[in-house]
Amino acid sequence: MDKIKWGIIGTGKIARKFAEALKGCADAELCAVVSRTLEKAQDFAAEYGFAEAYGSYKELAENSDADVVYIATPMSCHYADSMLCLNCGKHVLCEKSVTLNSRQLDTIFQTARYKGLFFMEAMWMKCRPTYLKAREWVSQGRIGEITYIKADFSNDIPWDSNDRLFRPDCGGGSLLDLTMYPITIAHDFLGNPDEIISSALIRDGIDLSENIVFRYNNSANAYLFGGFEYRLRNNAIISGTDGFITFGDYFHCTDEVKLFDRDGKIIEDLRFPDRINGYEYEIEEVHRCLRENLSESPLVPHNATADVMKIMDTCRKQWGLVFPGE
């Protein structure tokens, strides 16, 4: 592939950030975009330089020349939109959380395997240089055996019943939107927990906030928090027997990562400024995987995405929280 042709489903805020990153990637071709109205798609195409605009998701999936489609619709639409694209022979990068539950996710993975197509959750955190550096330090044994992880992701977001974040029919709530980042980092560095202890504040069918504890048989623990009720620094620490790693505020997209020894002395203090806006890293990972004919990314493997979804299923079961239509 000289250039990889991209389609985008959705024209909201995150789609705009993604399109901005695509424009800055020399080997990406902005092929097609679709919105719920043709006018919105045409405006988006004109603003970012997409060759084609569609007013029907089905038309883009069936008729566009896109090699891979980025799905940036509300969570409750991800399953149907992903299945549409896969069944039309398109590779897919789908925003997190990919689906509402494990049943939907399993079907997507089975379809991608059957069709011989690439599928990846758009977990941009796992593709960023800061996160990869932390994984490198851990794999090198720089902090010894991990014993503790703490991660927060909470923003003060006023209640708005029209906002997708507060609509059960859109898969709203902080778990699938924010808290999945703390869950992901804990899972990625410690694996599946042996015990999950969680509680949530539920209002009108969505979770406003949650506290989650992972306990492991080797005595490691992870303490995770997410929500819409108040603003936190949204940072994270990974602590081990020989040192610890900290991320800057908004750990999921920070450009700062630090390595400390067991006495709290800084060993390395690194920054990796974004070349565009941070979304370029997951775009480049998709390009690498497609060029190497990979069906999934080693950075965001299917089994890890599935494990995190099962953890979130377990949390919602503990809270008695069910989405409409489940």
C-alpha atoms as a PDB file:
ATOM      1  CA  MET A   1       0.000   0.000   0.000  1.00  0.00           C
ATOM      2  CA  ASP A   2       1.452   3.379  -1.014  1.00  0.00           C
ATOM      3  CA  LYS A   3      -1.195   5.269   0.919  1.00  0.00           C
ATOM      4  CA  ILE A   4      -3.867   3.794   3.136  1.00  0.00           C
ATOM      5  CA  LYS A   5      -7.351   5.074   2.396  1.00  0.00           C
ATOM      6  CA  TRP A   6      -9.462   6.034   5.392  1.00  0.00           C
ATOM      7  CA  GLY A   7     -13.170   6.398   5.887  1.00  0.00           C
ATOM      8  CA  ILE A   8     -14.780   7.924   8.971  1.00  0.00           C
ATOM      9  CA  ILE A   9     -18.247   7.165  10.333  1.00  0.00           C
ATOM     10  CA  GLY A  10     -19.408  10.087  12.459  1.00  0.00           C
ATOM     11  CA  THR A  11     -18.549  13.773  12.426  1.00  0.00           C
ATOM     12  CA  GLY A  12     -18.517  14.675  16.114  1.00  0.00           C
ATOM     13  CA  LYS A  13     -15.758  16.058  18.324  1.00  0.00           C
ATOM     14  CA  ILE A  14     -13.542  12.985  18.400  1.00  0.00           C
ATOM     15  CA  ALA A  15     -13.944  12.427  14.655  1.00  0.00           C
ATOM     16  CA  ARG A  16     -12.618  15.938  14.118  1.00  0.00           C
ATOM     17  CA  LYS A  17      -9.546  15.258  16.237  1.00  0.00           C
ATOM     18  CA  PHE A  18      -8.939  12.046  14.351  1.00  0.00           C
ATOM     19  CA  ALA A  19      -9.347  13.739  10.972  1.00  0.00           C
ATOM     20  CA  GLU A  20      -6.847  16.407  12.019  1.00  0.00           C
ATOM     21  CA  ALA A  21      -4.312  13.669  12.799  1.00  0.00           C
ATOM     22  CA  LEU A  22      -5.038  11.901   9.506  1.00  0.00           C
ATOM     23  CA  LYS A  23      -4.256  15.104   7.622  1.00  0.00           C
ATOM     24  CA  GLY A  24      -0.833  15.164   9.238  1.00  0.00           C
ATOM     25  CA  CYS A  25       0.032  11.545   8.381  1.00  0.00           C
ATOM     26  CA  ALA A  26       1.786  11.490   5.009  1.00  0.00           C
ATOM     27  CA  ASP A  27       0.780   7.912   4.190  1.00  0.00           C
ATOM     28  CA  ALA A  28      -2.918   8.401   4.987  1.00  0.00           C
ATOM     29  CA  GLU A  29      -5.435   9.264   2.282  1.00  0.00           C
ATOM     30  CA  LEU A  30      -8.664  10.950   3.378  1.00  0.00           C
ATOM     31  CA  CYS A  31     -11.083   8.945   1.300  1.00  0.00           C
ATOM     32  CA  ALA A  32     -14.639   9.196   2.630  1.00  0.00           C
ATOM     33  CA  VAL A  33     -16.767  10.450   5.504  1.00  0.00           C
ATOM     34  CA  VAL A  34     -20.385   9.829   6.443  1.00  0.00           C
ATOM     35  CA  SER A  35     -22.784  11.511   8.830  1.00  0.00           C
ATOM     36  CA  ARG A  36     -26.479  11.160   9.605  1.00  0.00           C
ATOM     37  CA  THR A  37     -27.124  13.925   7.081  1.00  0.00           C
ATOM     38  CA  LEU A  38     -25.343  14.424   3.784  1.00  0.00           C
ATOM     39  CA  GLU A  39     -24.943  18.133   4.504  1.00  0.00           C
ATOM     40  CA  LYS A  40     -22.938  17.463   7.691  1.00  0.00           C
ATOM     41  CA  ALA A  41     -20.759  14.968   5.852  1.00  0.00           C
ATOM     42  CA  GLN A  42     -20.144  17.412   3.003  1.00  0.00           C
ATOM     43  CA  ASP A  43     -19.191  20.198   5.415  1.00  0.00           C
ATOM     44  CA  PHE A  44     -16.797  17.852   7.241  1.00  0.00           C
ATOM     45  CA  ALA A  45     -15.290  16.634   3.956  1.00  0.00           C
ATOM     46  CA  ALA A  46     -14.711  20.197   2.774  1.00  0.00           C
ATOM     47  CA  GLU A  47     -13.126  21.224   6.087  1.00  0.00           C
ATOM     48  CA  TYR A  48     -10.662  18.332   6.309  1.00  0.00           C
ATOM     49  CA  GLY A  49     -10.169  17.395   2.675  1.00  0.00           C
ATOM     50  CA  PHE A  50     -12.023  14.093   2.289  1.00  0.00           C
ATOM     51  CA  ALA A  51     -12.647  13.071  -1.309  1.00  0.00           C
ATOM     52  CA  GLU A  52     -16.183  11.747  -0.783  1.00  0.00           C
ATOM     53  CA  ALA A  53     -19.113  12.473   1.516  1.00  0.00           C
ATOM     54  CA  TYR A  54     -22.073  10.191   2.204  1.00  0.00           C
ATOM     55  CA  GLY A  55     -25.386  10.574   3.977  1.00  0.00           C
ATOM     56  CA  SER A  56     -25.790   6.823   4.539  1.00  0.00           C
ATOM     57  CA  TYR A  57     -23.477   4.536   6.535  1.00  0.00           C
ATOM     58  CA  LYS A  58     -24.407   1.658   4.251  1.00  0.00           C
ATOM     59  CA  GLU A  59     -23.398   3.630   1.160  1.00  0.00           C
ATOM     60  CA  LEU A  60     -19.961   4.399   2.574  1.00  0.00           C
ATOM     61  CA  ALA A  61     -19.388   0.776   3.587  1.00  0.00           C
ATOM     62  CA  GLU A  62     -20.547  -0.594   0.237  1.00  0.00           C
ATOM     63  CA  ASN A  63     -19.390   2.049  -2.226  1.00  0.00           C
ATOM     64  CA  SER A  64     -16.340   3.885  -0.907  1.00  0.00           C
ATOM     65  CA  ASP A  65     -12.752   2.910  -1.707  1.00  0.00           C
ATOM     66  CA  ALA A  66     -11.727   3.115   1.946  1.00  0.00           C
ATOM     67  CA  ASP A  67      -9.315   0.415   3.092  1.00  0.00           C
ATOM     68  CA  VAL A  68     -10.095   0.987   6.758  1.00  0.00           C
ATOM     69  CA  VAL A  69     -12.959   2.758   8.528  1.00  0.00           C
ATOM     70  CA  TYR A  70     -12.674   4.667  11.790  1.00  0.00           C
ATOM     71  CA  ILE A  71     -15.927   4.466  13.772  1.00  0.00           C
ATOM     72  CA  ALA A  72     -16.655   7.498  15.952  1.00  0.00           C
ATOM     73  CA  THR A  73     -20.348   7.092  16.725  1.00  0.00           C
ATOM     74  CA  PRO A  74     -21.947   6.725  20.202  1.00  0.00           C
ATOM     75  CA  MET A  75     -21.087   3.521  22.100  1.00  0.00           C
ATOM     76  CA  SER A  76     -24.469   1.933  21.509  1.00  0.00           C
ATOM     77  CA  CYS A  77     -23.913   2.182  17.728  1.00  0.00           C
ATOM     78  CA  HIS A  78     -20.414   0.678  17.627  1.00  0.00           C
ATOM     79  CA  TYR A  79     -21.584  -2.908  17.280  1.00  0.00           C
ATOM     80  CA  ALA A  80     -23.896  -2.316  14.321  1.00  0.00           C
ATOM     81  CA  ASP A  81     -21.458   0.069  12.606  1.00  0.00           C
ATOM     82  CA  SER A  82     -18.526  -2.322  13.033  1.00  0.00           C
ATOM     83  CA  MET A  83     -20.523  -5.276  11.731  1.00  0.00           C
ATOM     84  CA  LEU A  84     -21.671  -3.258   8.716  1.00  0.00           C
ATOM     85  CA  CYS A  85     -18.118  -2.367   7.766  1.00  0.00           C
ATOM     86  CA  LEU A  86     -16.705  -5.848   8.369  1.00  0.00           C
ATOM     87  CA  ASN A  87     -19.457  -7.476   6.342  1.00  0.00           C
ATOM     88  CA  CYS A  88     -18.639  -5.069   3.496  1.00  0.00           C
ATOM     89  CA  GLY A  89     -14.964  -6.061   3.574  1.00  0.00           C
ATOM     90  CA  LYS A  90     -13.555  -3.034   5.388  1.00  0.00           C
ATOM     91  CA  HIS A  91     -10.871  -3.119   8.053  1.00  0.00           C
ATOM     92  CA  VAL A  92     -12.032  -1.329  11.215  1.00  0.00           C
ATOM     93  CA  LEU A  93     -10.638   0.918  13.933  1.00  0.00           C
ATOM     94  CA  CYS A  94     -13.476   1.433  16.415  1.00  0.00           C
ATOM     95  CA  GLU A  95     -13.565   3.932  19.249  1.00  0.00           C
ATOM     96  CA  LYS A  96     -13.661   2.614  22.774  1.00  0.00           C
ATOM     97  CA  SER A  97     -15.545   1.089  24.290  1.00  0.00           C
ATOM     98  CA  VAL A  98     -16.000  -1.071  21.222  1.00  0.00           C
ATOM     99  CA  THR A  99     -19.317  -2.506  22.382  1.00  0.00           C
ATOM    100  CA  LEU A 100     -21.719  -2.465  25.297  1.00  0.00           C
ATOM    101  CA  ASN A 101     -20.909  -6.024  26.397  1.00  0.00           C
ATOM    102  CA  SER A 102     -18.834  -9.124  25.763  1.00  0.00           C
ATOM    103  CA  ARG A 103     -21.479 -10.868  23.690  1.00  0.00           C
ATOM    104  CA  GLN A 104     -21.382  -8.124  21.061  1.00  0.00           C
ATOM    105  CA  LEU A 105     -17.590  -7.959  21.137  1.00  0.00           C
ATOM    106  CA  ASP A 106     -17.212 -11.721  20.624  1.00  0.00           C
ATOM    107  CA  THR A 107     -19.398 -11.517  17.514  1.00  0.00           C
ATOM    108  CA  ILE A 108     -17.271  -8.712  16.077  1.00  0.00           C
ATOM    109  CA  PHE A 109     -14.036 -10.634  16.639  1.00  0.00           C
ATOM    110  CA  GLN A 110     -15.513 -13.812  15.135  1.00  0.00           C
ATOM    111  CA  THR A 111     -16.674 -11.876  12.079  1.00  0.00           C
ATOM    112  CA  ALA A 112     -13.310 -10.172  11.611  1.00  0.00           C
ATOM    113  CA  ARG A 113     -11.514 -13.541  11.797  1.00  0.00           C
ATOM    114  CA  TYR A 114     -13.949 -15.171   9.381  1.00  0.00           C
ATOM    115  CA  LYS A 115     -13.606 -12.316   6.900  1.00  0.00           C
ATOM    116  CA  GLY A 116      -9.821 -12.126   7.284  1.00  0.00           C
ATOM    117  CA  LEU A 117      -9.994  -8.455   8.270  1.00  0.00           C
ATOM    118  CA  PHE A 118      -8.092  -6.257  10.694  1.00  0.00           C
ATOM    119  CA  PHE A 119      -9.995  -4.956  13.717  1.00  0.00           C
ATOM    120  CA  MET A 120      -8.679  -2.802  16.549  1.00  0.00           C
ATOM    121  CA  GLU A 121     -10.135  -0.902  19.458  1.00  0.00           C
ATOM    122  CA  ALA A 122      -9.045   2.746  19.269  1.00  0.00           C
ATOM    123  CA  MET A 123      -7.257   2.565  22.629  1.00  0.00           C
ATOM    124  CA  TRP A 124      -4.865   5.383  21.772  1.00  0.00           C
ATOM    125  CA  MET A 125      -3.275   5.262  25.219  1.00  0.00           C
ATOM    126  CA  LYS A 126      -1.615   1.936  24.408  1.00  0.00           C
ATOM    127  CA  CYS A 127       0.016   3.370  21.272  1.00  0.00           C
ATOM    128  CA  ARG A 128       1.513   6.471  22.858  1.00  0.00           C
ATOM    129  CA  PRO A 129       5.305   6.743  23.486  1.00  0.00           C
ATOM    130  CA  THR A 130       4.845   7.414  27.217  1.00  0.00           C
ATOM    131  CA  TYR A 131       2.837   4.245  27.702  1.00  0.00           C
ATOM    132  CA  LEU A 132       5.226   2.171  25.592  1.00  0.00           C
ATOM    133  CA  LYS A 133       8.158   3.501  27.614  1.00  0.00           C
ATOM    134  CA  ALA A 134       6.453   2.444  30.856  1.00  0.00           C
ATOM    135  CA  ARG A 135       5.899  -1.034  29.441  1.00  0.00           C
ATOM    136  CA  GLU A 136       9.561  -1.157  28.420  1.00  0.00           C
ATOM    137  CA  TRP A 137      10.726  -0.219  31.931  1.00  0.00           C
ATOM    138  CA  VAL A 138       8.487  -2.873  33.469  1.00  0.00           C
ATOM    139  CA  SER A 139       9.625  -5.565  31.019  1.00  0.00           C
ATOM    140  CA  GLN A 140      13.254  -4.679  31.827  1.00  0.00           C
ATOM    141  CA  GLY A 141      12.552  -5.213  35.529  1.00  0.00           C
ATOM    142  CA  ARG A 142      13.315  -1.587  36.380  1.00  0.00           C
ATOM    143  CA  ILE A 143      10.678  -1.453  39.136  1.00  0.00           C
ATOM    144  CA  GLY A 144      10.771  -5.118  40.124  1.00  0.00           C
ATOM    145  CA  GLU A 145       7.508  -6.975  40.708  1.00  0.00           C
ATOM    146  CA  ILE A 146       4.429  -4.748  40.471  1.00  0.00           C
ATOM    147  CA  THR A 147       2.552  -4.603  43.757  1.00  0.00           C
ATOM    148  CA  TYR A 148       0.235  -1.600  43.393  1.00  0.00           C
ATOM    149  CA  ILE A 149      -1.477   0.480  40.711  1.00  0.00           C
ATOM    150  CA  LYS A 150      -3.573   3.583  41.257  1.00  0.00           C
ATOM    151  CA  ALA A 151      -5.355   5.350  38.397  1.00  0.00           C
ATOM    152  CA  ASP A 152      -8.085   8.005  38.314  1.00  0.00           C
ATOM    153  CA  PHE A 153     -10.121   9.494  35.504  1.00  0.00           C
ATOM    154  CA  SER A 154     -12.836  11.861  36.692  1.00  0.00           C
ATOM    155  CA  ASN A 155     -14.115  15.096  35.149  1.00  0.00           C
ATOM    156  CA  ASP A 156     -16.751  17.517  36.433  1.00  0.00           C
ATOM    157  CA  ILE A 157     -19.422  17.199  33.748  1.00  0.00           C
ATOM    158  CA  PRO A 158     -22.802  18.877  34.429  1.00  0.00           C
ATOM    159  CA  TRP A 159     -25.821  16.649  33.979  1.00  0.00           C
ATOM    160  CA  ASP A 160     -27.407  16.994  30.552  1.00  0.00           C
ATOM    161  CA  SER A 161     -30.090  14.457  29.687  1.00  0.00           C
ATOM    162  CA  ASN A 162     -29.539  15.152  25.974  1.00  0.00           C
ATOM    163  CA  ASP A 163     -25.802  14.431  26.103  1.00  0.00           C
ATOM    164  CA  ARG A 164     -24.819  10.873  25.059  1.00  0.00           C
ATOM    165  CA  LEU A 165     -22.817  10.566  28.292  1.00  0.00           C
ATOM    166  CA  PHE A 166     -26.028  10.692  30.327  1.00  0.00           C
ATOM    167  CA  ARG A 167     -28.259   8.617  28.016  1.00  0.00           C
ATOM    168  CA  PRO A 168     -28.628   4.885  28.725  1.00  0.00           C
ATOM    169  CA  ASP A 169     -29.748   4.316  25.132  1.00  0.00           C
ATOM    170  CA  CYS A 170     -26.359   5.625  23.954  1.00  0.00           C
ATOM    171  CA  GLY A 171     -24.362   3.432  26.331  1.00  0.00           C
ATOM    172  CA  GLY A 172     -23.809   6.411  28.612  1.00  0.00           C
ATOM    173  CA  GLY A 173     -22.103   6.488  31.972  1.00  0.00           C
ATOM    174  CA  SER A 174     -18.542   6.919  33.147  1.00  0.00           C
ATOM    175  CA  LEU A 175     -17.576   3.224  33.070  1.00  0.00           C
ATOM    176  CA  LEU A 176     -17.442   2.779  29.291  1.00  0.00           C
ATOM    177  CA  ASP A 177     -16.281   6.333  28.621  1.00  0.00           C
ATOM    178  CA  LEU A 178     -13.703   7.175  31.315  1.00  0.00           C
ATOM    179  CA  THR A 179     -13.145   4.414  33.855  1.00  0.00           C
ATOM    180  CA  MET A 180     -12.205   1.926  31.179  1.00  0.00           C
ATOM    181  CA  TYR A 181      -8.828   3.719  31.001  1.00  0.00           C
ATOM    182  CA  PRO A 182      -7.909   2.981  34.650  1.00  0.00           C
ATOM    183  CA  ILE A 183      -9.232  -0.562  34.164  1.00  0.00           C
ATOM    184  CA  THR A 184      -7.119  -0.981  31.030  1.00  0.00           C
ATOM    185  CA  ILE A 185      -3.850   0.147  32.595  1.00  0.00           C
ATOM    186  CA  ALA A 186      -4.401  -2.101  35.630  1.00  0.00           C
ATOM    187  CA  HIS A 187      -5.251  -5.076  33.427  1.00  0.00           C
ATOM    188  CA  ASP A 188      -2.346  -4.437  31.064  1.00  0.00           C
ATOM    189  CA  PHE A 189       0.274  -4.399  33.810  1.00  0.00           C
ATOM    190  CA  LEU A 190      -1.230  -6.844  36.323  1.00  0.00           C
ATOM    191  CA  GLY A 191      -3.481  -9.075  34.223  1.00  0.00           C
ATOM    192  CA  ASN A 192      -6.949 -10.325  35.067  1.00  0.00           C
ATOM    193  CA  PRO A 193      -7.766  -9.790  38.753  1.00  0.00           C
ATOM    194  CA  ASP A 194      -8.586 -12.690  41.033  1.00  0.00           C
ATOM    195  CA  GLU A 195     -11.217 -10.564  42.759  1.00  0.00           C
ATOM    196  CA  ILE A 196     -13.152  -7.462  41.717  1.00  0.00           C
ATOM    197  CA  ILE A 197     -14.754  -5.241  44.340  1.00  0.00           C
ATOM    198  CA  SER A 198     -16.743  -2.334  42.938  1.00  0.00           C
ATOM    199  CA  SER A 199     -19.447   0.179  43.759  1.00  0.00           C
ATOM    200  CA  ALA A 200     -21.116   2.888  41.702  1.00  0.00           C
ATOM    201  CA  LEU A 201     -23.411   5.861  42.022  1.00  0.00           C
ATOM    202  CA  ILE A 202     -26.318   5.242  39.646  1.00  0.00           C
ATOM    203  CA  ARG A 203     -28.735   7.915  38.471  1.00  0.00           C
ATOM    204  CA  ASP A 204     -31.478   7.463  35.867  1.00  0.00           C
ATOM    205  CA  GLY A 205     -29.901   4.353  34.411  1.00  0.00           C
ATOM    206  CA  ILE A 206     -26.291   5.519  34.097  1.00  0.00           C
ATOM    207  CA  ASP A 207     -23.272   5.321  36.385  1.00  0.00           C
ATOM    208  CA  LEU A 208     -22.092   8.762  37.493  1.00  0.00           C
ATOM    209  CA  SER A 209     -18.987   7.412  39.244  1.00  0.00           C
ATOM    210  CA  GLU A 210     -17.414   4.196  40.438  1.00  0.00           C
ATOM    211  CA  ASN A 211     -14.735   2.855  42.758  1.00  0.00           C
ATOM    212  CA  ILE A 212     -13.112  -0.390  41.642  1.00  0.00           C
ATOM    213  CA  VAL A 213     -10.551  -2.532  43.434  1.00  0.00           C
ATOM    214  CA  PHE A 214      -8.634  -5.384  41.792  1.00  0.00           C
ATOM    215  CA  ARG A 215      -7.128  -7.937  44.160  1.00  0.00           C
ATOM    216  CA  TYR A 216      -4.580 -10.534  43.089  1.00  0.00           C
ATOM    217  CA  ASN A 217      -3.529 -13.769  44.767  1.00  0.00           C
ATOM    218  CA  ASN A 218       0.092 -12.557  44.833  1.00  0.00           C
ATOM    219  CA  SER A 219      -1.043  -9.670  47.108  1.00  0.00           C
ATOM    220  CA  ALA A 220      -0.927  -7.018  44.345  1.00  0.00           C
ATOM    221  CA  ASN A 221      -3.789  -4.519  44.258  1.00  0.00           C
ATOM    222  CA  ALA A 222      -5.164  -1.884  41.894  1.00  0.00           C
ATOM    223  CA  TYR A 223      -7.331   1.023  43.058  1.00  0.00           C
ATOM    224  CA  LEU A 224      -9.305   2.667  40.279  1.00  0.00           C
ATOM    225  CA  PHE A 225     -11.764   5.538  40.157  1.00  0.00           C
ATOM    226  CA  GLY A 226     -13.723   7.265  37.425  1.00  0.00           C
ATOM    227  CA  GLY A 227     -16.690   9.541  37.119  1.00  0.00           C
ATOM    228  CA  PHE A 228     -18.490  12.668  36.022  1.00  0.00           C
ATOM    229  CA  GLU A 229     -18.976  14.239  39.458  1.00  0.00           C
ATOM    230  CA  TYR A 230     -15.751  16.128  40.100  1.00  0.00           C
ATOM    231  CA  ARG A 231     -12.411  17.018  38.597  1.00  0.00           C
ATOM    232  CA  LEU A 232      -9.325  15.079  39.633  1.00  0.00           C
ATOM    233  CA  ARG A 233      -5.731  15.239  38.385  1.00  0.00           C
ATOM    234  CA  ASN A 234      -6.382  12.003  36.483  1.00  0.00           C
ATOM    235  CA  ASN A 235      -2.934  10.580  36.991  1.00  0.00           C
ATOM    236  CA  ALA A 236      -1.572   7.096  37.556  1.00  0.00           C
ATOM    237  CA  ILE A 237       1.217   5.308  39.413  1.00  0.00           C
ATOM    238  CA  ILE A 238       2.617   1.823  38.912  1.00  0.00           C
ATOM    239  CA  SER A 239       4.573   0.756  41.991  1.00  0.00           C
ATOM    240  CA  GLY A 240       6.864  -2.233  42.355  1.00  0.00           C
ATOM    241  CA  THR A 241       9.318  -3.810  44.750  1.00  0.00           C
ATOM    242  CA  ASP A 242      12.267  -1.847  43.301  1.00  0.00           C
ATOM    243  CA  GLY A 243      10.732   1.459  42.221  1.00  0.00           C
ATOM    244  CA  PHE A 244       7.735   3.100  40.649  1.00  0.00           C
ATOM    245  CA  ILE A 245       6.496   4.841  37.498  1.00  0.00           C
ATOM    246  CA  THR A 246       4.313   7.938  37.359  1.00  0.00           C
ATOM    247  CA  PHE A 247       2.469   9.519  34.468  1.00  0.00           C
ATOM    248  CA  GLY A 248       1.571  13.182  34.082  1.00  0.00           C
ATOM    249  CA  ASP A 249      -1.964  14.453  34.579  1.00  0.00           C
ATOM    250  CA  TYR A 250      -4.470  12.826  32.225  1.00  0.00           C
ATOM    251  CA  PHE A 251      -2.311   9.714  32.228  1.00  0.00           C
ATOM    252  CA  HIS A 252      -4.084   8.252  29.199  1.00  0.00           C
ATOM    253  CA  CYS A 253      -2.757  10.989  26.891  1.00  0.00           C
ATOM    254  CA  THR A 254       0.113  12.627  28.783  1.00  0.00           C
ATOM    255  CA  ASP A 255       3.491  13.305  27.174  1.00  0.00           C
ATOM    256  CA  GLU A 256       5.314  12.824  30.511  1.00  0.00           C
ATOM    257  CA  VAL A 257       6.470   9.640  32.238  1.00  0.00           C
ATOM    258  CA  LYS A 258       8.933   9.273  35.144  1.00  0.00           C
ATOM    259  CA  LEU A 259      10.863   6.369  36.589  1.00  0.00           C
ATOM    260  CA  PHE A 260      11.828   6.364  40.287  1.00  0.00           C
ATOM    261  CA  ASP A 261      13.927   3.991  42.351  1.00  0.00           C
ATOM    262  CA  ARG A 262      12.616   2.446  45.569  1.00  0.00           C
ATOM    263  CA  ASP A 263      13.836   5.473  47.570  1.00  0.00           C
ATOM    264  CA  GLY A 264      11.869   7.923  45.452  1.00  0.00           C
ATOM    265  CA  LYS A 265      14.844   9.229  43.480  1.00  0.00           C
ATOM    266  CA  ILE A 266      14.124  10.106  39.842  1.00  0.00           C
ATOM    267  CA  ILE A 267      16.045   7.815  37.517  1.00  0.00           C
ATOM    268  CA  GLU A 268      14.511   8.966  34.225  1.00  0.00           C
ATOM    269  CA  ASP A 269      12.165  11.883  33.441  1.00  0.00           C
ATOM    270  CA  LEU A 270      11.007  11.770  29.830  1.00  0.00           C
ATOM    271  CA  ARG A 271       8.679  13.781  27.622  1.00  0.00           C
ATOM    272  CA  PHE A 272       7.351  12.821  24.210  1.00  0.00           C
ATOM    273  CA  PRO A 273       5.551  15.846  22.715  1.00  0.00           C
ATOM    274  CA  ASP A 274       2.848  14.982  20.191  1.00  0.00           C
ATOM    275  CA  ARG A 275       3.737  15.643  16.582  1.00  0.00           C
ATOM    276  CA  ILE A 276       0.083  16.403  15.788  1.00  0.00           C
ATOM    277  CA  ASN A 277      -2.496  15.786  18.517  1.00  0.00           C
ATOM    278  CA  GLY A 278      -1.740  12.298  19.844  1.00  0.00           C
ATOM    279  CA  TYR A 279      -4.060  10.357  17.563  1.00  0.00           C
ATOM    280  CA  GLU A 280      -1.251   9.901  15.047  1.00  0.00           C
ATOM    281  CA  TYR A 281       0.207   7.025  17.065  1.00  0.00           C
ATOM    282  CA  GLU A 282      -2.811   4.739  16.724  1.00  0.00           C
ATOM    283  CA  ILE A 283      -3.109   5.689  13.042  1.00  0.00           C
ATOM    284  CA  GLU A 284       0.509   4.694  12.503  1.00  0.00           C
ATOM    285  CA  GLU A 285      -0.083   1.424  14.361  1.00  0.00           C
ATOM    286  CA  VAL A 286      -3.022   0.601  12.072  1.00  0.00           C
ATOM    287  CA  HIS A 287      -0.877   1.383   9.034  1.00  0.00           C
ATOM    288  CA  ARG A 288       1.918  -0.862  10.316  1.00  0.00           C
ATOM    289  CA  CYS A 289      -0.482  -3.737  10.973  1.00  0.00           C
ATOM    290  CA  LEU A 290      -2.157  -3.474   7.571  1.00  0.00           C
ATOM    291  CA  ARG A 291       1.165  -3.388   5.763  1.00  0.00           C
ATOM    292  CA  GLU A 292       2.297  -6.468   7.690  1.00  0.00           C
ATOM    293  CA  ASN A 293      -1.032  -8.243   7.003  1.00  0.00           C
ATOM    294  CA  LEU A 294      -1.838  -8.540  10.704  1.00  0.00           C
ATOM    295  CA  SER A 295      -5.423  -9.221  11.763  1.00  0.00           C
ATOM    296  CA  GLU A 296      -4.902  -7.525  15.139  1.00  0.00           C
ATOM    297  CA  SER A 297      -2.443  -5.167  16.770  1.00  0.00           C
ATOM    298  CA  PRO A 298       0.151  -6.534  19.210  1.00  0.00           C
ATOM    299  CA  LEU A 299      -0.252  -3.258  21.127  1.00  0.00           C
ATOM    300  CA  VAL A 300      -4.051  -3.569  21.400  1.00  0.00           C
ATOM    301  CA  PRO A 301      -4.676  -7.314  21.054  1.00  0.00           C
ATOM    302  CA  HIS A 302      -8.172  -8.758  20.874  1.00  0.00           C
ATOM    303  CA  ASN A 303      -7.772 -10.826  24.028  1.00  0.00           C
ATOM    304  CA  ALA A 304      -6.915  -7.727  26.100  1.00  0.00           C
ATOM    305  CA  THR A 305      -9.899  -5.802  24.716  1.00  0.00           C
ATOM    306  CA  ALA A 306     -12.092  -8.819  25.511  1.00  0.00           C
ATOM    307  CA  ASP A 307     -10.720  -9.142  29.057  1.00  0.00           C
ATOM    308  CA  VAL A 308     -11.430  -5.480  29.837  1.00  0.00           C
ATOM    309  CA  MET A 309     -14.964  -5.816  28.487  1.00  0.00           C
ATOM    310  CA  LYS A 310     -15.557  -8.862  30.716  1.00  0.00           C
ATOM    311  CA  ILE A 311     -14.318  -6.882  33.715  1.00  0.00           C
ATOM    312  CA  MET A 312     -16.766  -4.075  32.900  1.00  0.00           C
ATOM    313  CA  ASP A 313     -19.559  -6.638  32.472  1.00  0.00           C
ATOM    314  CA  THR A 314     -18.726  -7.939  35.944  1.00  0.00           C
ATOM    315  CA  CYS A 315     -18.819  -4.450  37.443  1.00  0.00           C
ATOM    316  CA  ARG A 316     -22.186  -3.656  35.886  1.00  0.00           C
ATOM    317  CA  LYS A 317     -23.541  -6.989  37.121  1.00  0.00           C
ATOM    318  CA  GLN A 318     -22.421  -6.078  40.658  1.00  0.00           C
ATOM    319  CA  TRP A 319     -24.320  -2.781  40.327  1.00  0.00           C
ATOM    320  CA  GLY A 320     -27.402  -4.245  38.620  1.00  0.00           C
ATOM    321  CA  LEU A 321     -26.875  -1.867  35.682  1.00  0.00           C
ATOM    322  CA  VAL A 322     -28.283  -2.998  32.331  1.00  0.00           C
ATOM    323  CA  PHE A 323     -28.370  -1.029  29.086  1.00  0.00           C
ATOM    324  CA  PRO A 324     -31.603  -0.846  27.070  1.00  0.00           C
ATOM    325  CA  GLY A 325     -31.901  -3.762  24.654  1.00  0.00           C
ATOM    326  CA  GLU A 326     -29.414  -6.011  26.423  1.00  0.00           C
END
